[in-house]
Amino acid sequence: MRVLVLTICFIFSSSAFSAADGKFVQKNNLFPKVEFQTSHGNIIVELDRSRAPITVNNFLTYVANGDYKGSIFHRVERDEENERDFVIQGGGYDKDHDGMHTIKPIFNESGNGLKNEMYSISMAYQDRKPHSGDRQFFFNMEDNTHLNPGKDWGFAVFGSVSEGYETLDKIMQVKTGYNEKIGYDFVPVKPVLIYGIKVLPEEKL
């Protein structure tokens, strides 16, 4: 299997503190759920704060501040060589393919025991910079075992899809091509929009 490395382009950083901190979002809930509202349908993801607390709290910081509103899925990639799907990546660019603001990068939690299995969500990072992850994430659209840690750092899984598999499958079918602005292939020709991501009410036992 060929090894496909996830990369993210440089996005300007904001040194200002965010208005909300994800660690206080349902702070006693180890498995908060969020709903992605997209142009192709909704997706519900259960986050795993027990295994990936740094990554989940970072993601929830962006969610709580509404920072994913108006972003896109900029990468819909298939592994054509092996005739299999690969990933759907987003959260870092707006519909004009301009980078959106970031906060401080986080520590890579890829050694948490969670695997890059189909329909899991993971933190993206810049090529060969495992601790450079900030706001971009990706959905695994196959069991991508080569993205798990080994001798080198892997990609930190921090949750899994509980509803909306059909939405991801639909996004996987969109037409893609090279985008000159971000200098990358596999970019949807027509932007796949993220209208927003919201935290769902905590489920009472």
Protein backbone atom coordinates (compact mmCIF):
# COMPACT_ATOMS: atom_id res chain seq x y z
CA MET A 1 0.00 0.00 0.00
CA ARG A 2 1.41 3.37 -0.89
CA VAL A 3 1.89 5.75 2.01
CA LEU A 4 -0.08 8.96 1.64
CA VAL A 5 1.03 11.76 3.93
CA LEU A 6 -1.52 14.31 5.09
CA THR A 7 -0.38 17.88 4.73
CA ILE A 8 -1.85 21.21 5.63
CA CYS A 9 -0.79 24.52 4.20
CA PHE A 10 0.35 27.36 6.42
CA ILE A 11 -2.49 29.40 7.81
CA PHE A 12 -1.92 32.67 9.61
CA SER A 13 -2.09 32.41 13.40
CA SER A 14 -3.95 34.53 15.87
CA SER A 15 -2.12 35.34 19.08
CA ALA A 16 -5.32 36.56 20.69
CA PHE A 17 -6.98 34.31 23.22
CA SER A 18 -10.24 32.71 22.14
CA ALA A 19 -13.43 33.84 23.80
CA ALA A 20 -14.25 30.28 24.92
CA ASP A 21 -12.05 27.38 26.00
CA GLY A 22 -13.04 23.89 24.91
CA LYS A 23 -11.98 22.30 28.19
CA PHE A 24 -15.00 23.96 29.82
CA VAL A 25 -17.48 22.68 27.23
CA GLN A 26 -19.39 19.89 29.01
CA LYS A 27 -16.22 19.55 31.09
CA ASN A 28 -17.44 16.46 32.96
CA ASN A 29 -18.57 14.67 29.82
CA LEU A 30 -15.89 12.31 28.49
CA PHE A 31 -17.82 11.66 25.27
CA PRO A 32 -19.44 14.89 24.06
CA LYS A 33 -21.25 14.78 20.73
CA VAL A 34 -21.16 17.41 18.00
CA GLU A 35 -23.22 17.87 14.87
CA PHE A 36 -21.67 18.99 11.60
CA GLN A 37 -24.13 20.89 9.42
CA THR A 38 -22.89 20.73 5.84
CA SER A 39 -24.10 21.46 2.32
CA HIS A 40 -24.45 17.70 1.78
CA GLY A 41 -26.21 16.78 5.03
CA ASN A 42 -25.48 16.44 8.73
CA ILE A 43 -22.93 14.31 10.55
CA ILE A 44 -22.92 13.48 14.27
CA VAL A 45 -19.59 12.67 15.86
CA GLU A 46 -18.92 11.30 19.32
CA LEU A 47 -15.66 12.74 20.64
CA ASP A 48 -13.39 10.77 22.99
CA ARG A 49 -12.04 13.01 25.73
CA SER A 50 -10.90 9.95 27.74
CA ARG A 51 -8.29 9.04 25.10
CA ALA A 52 -7.63 12.38 23.38
CA PRO A 53 -8.33 15.18 25.88
CA ILE A 54 -5.93 17.71 24.35
CA THR A 55 -7.24 17.17 20.83
CA VAL A 56 -10.91 17.15 21.84
CA ASN A 57 -10.60 20.30 23.94
CA ASN A 58 -8.74 22.05 21.12
CA PHE A 59 -11.44 21.06 18.62
CA LEU A 60 -14.20 22.17 21.01
CA THR A 61 -12.50 25.54 21.42
CA TYR A 62 -12.94 26.18 17.69
CA VAL A 63 -16.49 24.81 17.85
CA ALA A 64 -17.49 26.94 20.85
CA ASN A 65 -16.21 30.08 19.16
CA GLY A 66 -18.03 29.37 15.90
CA ASP A 67 -14.74 29.19 14.04
CA TYR A 68 -15.79 26.37 11.72
CA LYS A 69 -18.75 28.34 10.38
CA GLY A 70 -18.19 29.00 6.69
CA SER A 71 -15.25 26.60 6.35
CA ILE A 72 -15.09 23.84 3.75
CA PHE A 73 -13.96 20.29 3.14
CA HIS A 74 -11.01 21.14 0.90
CA ARG A 75 -9.70 17.62 0.37
CA VAL A 76 -11.69 14.61 -0.84
CA GLU A 77 -9.11 12.02 -1.75
CA ARG A 78 -9.24 8.49 -3.11
CA ASP A 79 -6.31 6.10 -3.29
CA GLU A 80 -6.83 5.35 -6.98
CA GLU A 81 -3.83 3.04 -7.14
CA ASN A 82 -5.51 0.63 -4.73
CA GLU A 83 -9.10 1.45 -5.75
CA ARG A 84 -10.14 2.56 -2.28
CA ASP A 85 -11.32 5.70 -0.57
CA PHE A 86 -8.91 7.58 1.68
CA VAL A 87 -9.88 10.77 3.55
CA ILE A 88 -12.14 13.82 3.67
CA GLN A 89 -10.28 16.75 5.23
CA GLY A 90 -11.54 20.17 6.20
CA GLY A 91 -11.91 22.97 8.69
CA GLY A 92 -9.03 25.17 7.59
CA TYR A 93 -10.20 27.15 4.54
CA ASP A 94 -13.21 29.25 3.61
CA LYS A 95 -15.21 28.91 0.37
CA ASP A 96 -12.71 31.18 -1.42
CA HIS A 97 -9.90 28.83 -0.36
CA ASP A 98 -8.38 31.42 1.96
CA GLY A 99 -6.84 30.14 5.20
CA MET A 100 -8.77 30.76 8.42
CA HIS A 101 -7.25 31.88 11.71
CA THR A 102 -5.62 29.36 14.04
CA ILE A 103 -4.71 29.20 17.69
CA LYS A 104 -1.64 27.53 19.17
CA PRO A 105 -0.76 24.09 17.71
CA ILE A 106 -1.23 21.10 20.01
CA PHE A 107 0.66 18.02 21.14
CA ASN A 108 0.14 14.95 18.97
CA GLU A 109 -1.91 12.32 20.84
CA SER A 110 -1.59 9.60 18.20
CA GLY A 111 -0.36 7.11 20.81
CA ASN A 112 -3.72 7.06 22.58
CA GLY A 113 -4.72 3.62 21.32
CA LEU A 114 -7.44 4.82 18.96
CA LYS A 115 -7.00 3.67 15.36
CA ASN A 116 -7.49 5.43 12.03
CA GLU A 117 -10.44 3.23 11.17
CA MET A 118 -13.25 3.97 8.73
CA TYR A 119 -15.51 6.84 9.86
CA SER A 120 -13.15 7.95 12.64
CA ILE A 121 -12.07 11.60 12.88
CA SER A 122 -8.42 12.59 13.28
CA MET A 123 -6.28 15.70 13.66
CA ALA A 124 -4.31 16.78 10.58
CA TYR A 125 -0.82 18.25 10.77
CA GLN A 126 1.82 19.68 8.50
CA ASP A 127 4.12 17.26 6.68
CA ARG A 128 6.86 15.96 9.03
CA LYS A 129 5.71 18.27 11.84
CA PRO A 130 3.65 15.95 14.08
CA HIS A 131 2.95 18.61 16.71
CA SER A 132 1.69 21.25 14.27
CA GLY A 133 -1.99 20.30 14.33
CA ASP A 134 -4.45 23.13 14.99
CA ARG A 135 -7.91 23.39 13.39
CA GLN A 136 -7.86 20.99 10.46
CA PHE A 137 -9.30 17.50 10.85
CA PHE A 138 -10.07 14.59 8.56
CA PHE A 139 -12.50 11.71 8.39
CA ASN A 140 -11.01 8.32 7.57
CA MET A 141 -13.00 6.83 4.70
CA GLU A 142 -11.23 3.45 4.91
CA ASP A 143 -9.24 1.62 7.56
CA ASN A 144 -6.05 3.65 7.12
CA THR A 145 -3.69 1.57 9.23
CA HIS A 146 -0.64 3.33 7.77
CA LEU A 147 -1.73 6.54 9.51
CA ASN A 148 -1.43 4.91 12.95
CA PRO A 149 1.78 5.46 14.95
CA GLY A 150 4.66 3.06 14.58
CA LYS A 151 8.30 4.05 14.59
CA ASP A 152 7.10 7.53 13.72
CA TRP A 153 4.22 9.67 14.94
CA GLY A 154 0.82 8.92 13.49
CA PHE A 155 -2.37 10.96 13.26
CA ALA A 156 -4.37 11.34 16.44
CA VAL A 157 -7.89 9.93 16.33
CA PHE A 158 -10.23 11.84 18.65
CA GLY A 159 -13.70 10.54 17.86
CA SER A 160 -15.95 8.57 15.54
CA VAL A 161 -19.08 9.09 13.51
CA SER A 162 -22.31 7.89 15.14
CA GLU A 163 -24.77 9.22 12.52
CA GLY A 164 -24.49 10.65 9.04
CA TYR A 165 -22.36 8.02 7.32
CA GLU A 166 -24.39 8.61 4.18
CA THR A 167 -23.38 12.29 4.20
CA LEU A 168 -19.70 11.40 4.16
CA ASP A 169 -20.31 8.81 1.45
CA LYS A 170 -22.05 11.51 -0.61
CA ILE A 171 -19.16 13.95 -0.14
CA MET A 172 -16.76 11.22 -1.21
CA GLN A 173 -18.43 11.21 -4.64
CA VAL A 174 -17.99 14.91 -5.49
CA LYS A 175 -15.89 15.94 -8.46
CA THR A 176 -12.39 17.08 -7.52
CA GLY A 177 -9.38 18.60 -9.24
CA TYR A 178 -6.28 20.72 -8.80
CA ASN A 179 -6.77 24.04 -7.00
CA GLU A 180 -4.15 26.60 -7.97
CA LYS A 181 -4.82 28.84 -4.97
CA ILE A 182 -3.89 26.26 -2.37
CA GLY A 183 -1.66 24.27 -4.70
CA TYR A 184 -3.30 20.94 -4.08
CA ASP A 185 -5.11 18.14 -5.90
CA PHE A 186 -8.30 16.42 -4.74
CA VAL A 187 -10.07 19.75 -4.04
CA PRO A 188 -13.84 19.72 -4.68
CA VAL A 189 -14.62 21.73 -7.82
CA LYS A 190 -17.76 23.02 -6.13
CA PRO A 191 -17.03 23.86 -2.46
CA VAL A 192 -18.46 21.46 0.11
CA LEU A 193 -19.51 23.85 2.86
CA ILE A 194 -19.52 23.46 6.62
CA TYR A 195 -22.34 25.74 7.74
CA GLY A 196 -21.42 25.16 11.34
CA ILE A 197 -20.61 22.63 14.06
CA LYS A 198 -22.59 22.61 17.29
CA VAL A 199 -22.27 20.74 20.56
CA LEU A 200 -25.30 18.55 21.22
CA PRO A 201 -27.03 18.46 24.62
CA GLU A 202 -25.42 16.02 27.00
CA GLU A 203 -27.21 12.69 27.11
CA LYS A 204 -28.49 11.86 30.59
CA LEU A 205 -28.11 8.31 31.81
